[in-house]
């Protein structure tokens, strides 16, 4: 039983997985924060474009 705990203490395979999970969560969090930052500007830009092209027709 003591040998099992010594081997468990030395095992580092799970540590790499935890690192990747934390790194991935940080990247996703930054992406969500970026979208939240520019969302208002994009909505107003889309509304301006929509009102600008609403009365136009495409000629043939």
N, C-alpha and C. Protein backbone atom coordinates (compact mmCIF):
# COMPACT_ATOMS: atom_id res chain seq x y z
N UNK A 1 0.82 -1.19 0.00
CA UNK A 1 0.00 0.00 0.00
C UNK A 1 0.87 1.26 0.00
N UNK A 2 1.96 1.24 0.71
CA UNK A 2 2.87 2.39 0.76
C UNK A 2 3.49 2.61 -0.62
N UNK A 3 3.81 1.53 -1.31
CA UNK A 3 4.37 1.64 -2.66
C UNK A 3 3.38 2.31 -3.61
N UNK A 4 2.10 1.99 -3.46
CA UNK A 4 1.06 2.60 -4.29
C UNK A 4 1.03 4.12 -4.09
N UNK A 5 1.07 4.57 -2.85
CA UNK A 5 1.03 6.00 -2.58
C UNK A 5 2.29 6.71 -3.07
N UNK A 6 3.45 6.06 -2.98
CA UNK A 6 4.69 6.66 -3.48
C UNK A 6 4.62 6.82 -5.00
N UNK A 7 4.11 5.80 -5.68
CA UNK A 7 3.97 5.89 -7.14
C UNK A 7 2.94 6.94 -7.53
N UNK A 8 1.86 7.02 -6.78
CA UNK A 8 0.83 8.01 -7.05
C UNK A 8 1.37 9.42 -6.89
N UNK A 9 2.21 9.62 -5.90
CA UNK A 9 2.80 10.93 -5.63
C UNK A 9 3.75 11.35 -6.76
N UNK A 10 4.45 10.40 -7.36
CA UNK A 10 5.41 10.70 -8.42
C UNK A 10 4.75 10.87 -9.79
N UNK A 11 3.56 10.33 -9.96
CA UNK A 11 2.89 10.33 -11.26
C UNK A 11 2.50 11.76 -11.65
N UNK A 12 2.90 12.20 -12.85
CA UNK A 12 2.62 13.56 -13.30
C UNK A 12 1.74 13.61 -14.55
N UNK A 13 1.19 12.49 -14.96
CA UNK A 13 0.37 12.47 -16.17
C UNK A 13 -0.87 13.36 -16.04
N UNK A 14 -1.50 13.38 -14.91
CA UNK A 14 -2.70 14.19 -14.73
C UNK A 14 -2.41 15.68 -14.69
N UNK A 15 -1.19 16.05 -14.28
CA UNK A 15 -0.84 17.46 -14.18
C UNK A 15 -0.84 18.13 -15.55
N UNK A 16 -0.41 17.43 -16.56
CA UNK A 16 -0.41 18.00 -17.92
C UNK A 16 -1.84 18.22 -18.39
N UNK A 17 -2.71 17.30 -18.08
CA UNK A 17 -4.11 17.45 -18.46
C UNK A 17 -4.73 18.66 -17.78
N UNK A 18 -4.44 18.85 -16.52
CA UNK A 18 -4.97 20.00 -15.79
C UNK A 18 -4.45 21.29 -16.41
N UNK A 19 -3.18 21.32 -16.78
CA UNK A 19 -2.62 22.51 -17.43
C UNK A 19 -3.36 22.84 -18.71
N UNK A 20 -3.64 21.84 -19.53
CA UNK A 20 -4.33 22.09 -20.79
C UNK A 20 -5.77 22.54 -20.57
N UNK A 21 -6.42 21.99 -19.56
CA UNK A 21 -7.80 22.39 -19.26
C UNK A 21 -7.83 23.85 -18.82
N UNK A 22 -6.90 24.24 -17.96
CA UNK A 22 -6.84 25.63 -17.49
C UNK A 22 -6.52 26.57 -18.64
N UNK A 23 -5.58 26.20 -19.49
CA UNK A 23 -5.21 27.02 -20.64
C UNK A 23 -6.39 27.18 -21.60
N UNK A 24 -7.10 26.11 -21.87
CA UNK A 24 -8.26 26.16 -22.76
C UNK A 24 -9.37 27.03 -22.16
N UNK A 25 -9.59 26.91 -20.87
CA UNK A 25 -10.61 27.74 -20.21
C UNK A 25 -10.23 29.22 -20.29
N UNK A 26 -8.95 29.53 -20.16
CA UNK A 26 -8.51 30.92 -20.25
C UNK A 26 -8.74 31.47 -21.66
N UNK A 27 -8.44 30.68 -22.67
CA UNK A 27 -8.63 31.13 -24.05
C UNK A 27 -10.12 31.34 -24.34
N UNK A 28 -10.96 30.43 -23.89
CA UNK A 28 -12.40 30.58 -24.10
C UNK A 28 -12.92 31.81 -23.36
N UNK A 29 -12.44 32.03 -22.14
CA UNK A 29 -12.85 33.20 -21.38
C UNK A 29 -12.46 34.50 -22.06
N UNK A 30 -11.25 34.55 -22.60
CA UNK A 30 -10.83 35.75 -23.33
C UNK A 30 -11.66 35.96 -24.59
N UNK A 31 -12.02 34.89 -25.26
CA UNK A 31 -12.88 35.00 -26.44
C UNK A 31 -14.25 35.55 -26.10
N UNK A 32 -14.84 35.06 -25.02
CA UNK A 32 -16.15 35.55 -24.59
C UNK A 32 -16.06 37.02 -24.18
N UNK A 33 -15.00 37.38 -23.50
CA UNK A 33 -14.82 38.78 -23.09
C UNK A 33 -14.65 39.68 -24.32
N UNK A 34 -13.94 39.21 -25.32
CA UNK A 34 -13.77 39.99 -26.55
C UNK A 34 -15.07 40.20 -27.29
N UNK A 35 -15.87 39.16 -27.37
CA UNK A 35 -17.17 39.28 -28.04
C UNK A 35 -18.06 40.25 -27.28
N UNK A 36 -18.05 40.16 -25.97
CA UNK A 36 -18.86 41.06 -25.16
C UNK A 36 -18.44 42.51 -25.32
N UNK A 37 -17.15 42.73 -25.54
CA UNK A 37 -16.63 44.09 -25.68
C UNK A 37 -17.09 44.74 -26.98
N UNK A 38 -17.10 44.01 -28.08
CA UNK A 38 -17.41 44.61 -29.38
C UNK A 38 -18.86 44.42 -29.80
N UNK A 39 -19.65 43.71 -29.00
CA UNK A 39 -21.03 43.41 -29.40
C UNK A 39 -21.85 44.68 -29.62
N UNK A 40 -21.76 45.65 -28.74
CA UNK A 40 -22.56 46.87 -28.88
C UNK A 40 -22.22 47.64 -30.14
N UNK A 41 -20.95 47.75 -30.46
CA UNK A 41 -20.53 48.45 -31.67
C UNK A 41 -20.97 47.74 -32.93
N UNK A 42 -20.91 46.42 -32.90
CA UNK A 42 -21.34 45.66 -34.08
C UNK A 42 -22.85 45.79 -34.29
N UNK A 43 -23.61 45.77 -33.19
CA UNK A 43 -25.07 45.91 -33.32
C UNK A 43 -25.43 47.27 -33.92
N UNK A 44 -24.78 48.34 -33.44
CA UNK A 44 -25.11 49.66 -33.98
C UNK A 44 -24.64 49.81 -35.43
N UNK A 45 -23.51 49.22 -35.77
CA UNK A 45 -23.03 49.26 -37.15
C UNK A 45 -23.98 48.51 -38.07
N UNK A 46 -24.46 47.35 -37.63
CA UNK A 46 -25.41 46.58 -38.45
C UNK A 46 -26.72 47.33 -38.63
N UNK A 47 -27.17 48.01 -37.60
CA UNK A 47 -28.40 48.79 -37.73
C UNK A 47 -28.21 49.95 -38.70
N UNK A 48 -27.06 50.60 -38.67
CA UNK A 48 -26.78 51.69 -39.61
C UNK A 48 -26.71 51.21 -41.04
N UNK A 49 -26.09 50.08 -41.26
CA UNK A 49 -26.02 49.52 -42.62
C UNK A 49 -27.42 49.13 -43.10
N UNK A 50 -28.20 48.54 -42.21
CA UNK A 50 -29.55 48.12 -42.58
C UNK A 50 -30.41 49.31 -42.98
N UNK A 51 -30.32 50.39 -42.22
CA UNK A 51 -31.13 51.56 -42.57
C UNK A 51 -30.59 52.25 -43.83
N UNK A 52 -29.31 52.12 -44.09
CA UNK A 52 -28.73 52.75 -45.27
C UNK A 52 -29.08 52.03 -46.56
N UNK A 53 -29.23 50.72 -46.51
CA UNK A 53 -29.52 49.98 -47.73
C UNK A 53 -30.98 49.56 -47.85
N UNK A 54 -31.82 49.94 -46.90
CA UNK A 54 -33.21 49.47 -46.91
C UNK A 54 -34.00 50.03 -48.09
N UNK A 55 -33.69 51.23 -48.55
CA UNK A 55 -34.48 51.80 -49.63
C UNK A 55 -33.84 51.65 -51.00
N UNK A 56 -32.74 50.97 -51.11
CA UNK A 56 -32.05 50.83 -52.39
C UNK A 56 -32.52 49.61 -53.15
N UNK A 57 -32.42 49.70 -54.48
CA UNK A 57 -32.75 48.56 -55.33
C UNK A 57 -31.54 48.27 -56.22
N UNK A 58 -31.45 47.05 -56.64
CA UNK A 58 -30.36 46.63 -57.51
C UNK A 58 -30.84 46.72 -58.94
N UNK A 59 -30.13 47.53 -59.76
CA UNK A 59 -30.52 47.72 -61.16
C UNK A 59 -30.05 46.56 -62.03
N UNK A 60 -30.77 46.37 -63.13
CA UNK A 60 -30.39 45.29 -64.04
C UNK A 60 -29.91 45.82 -65.35
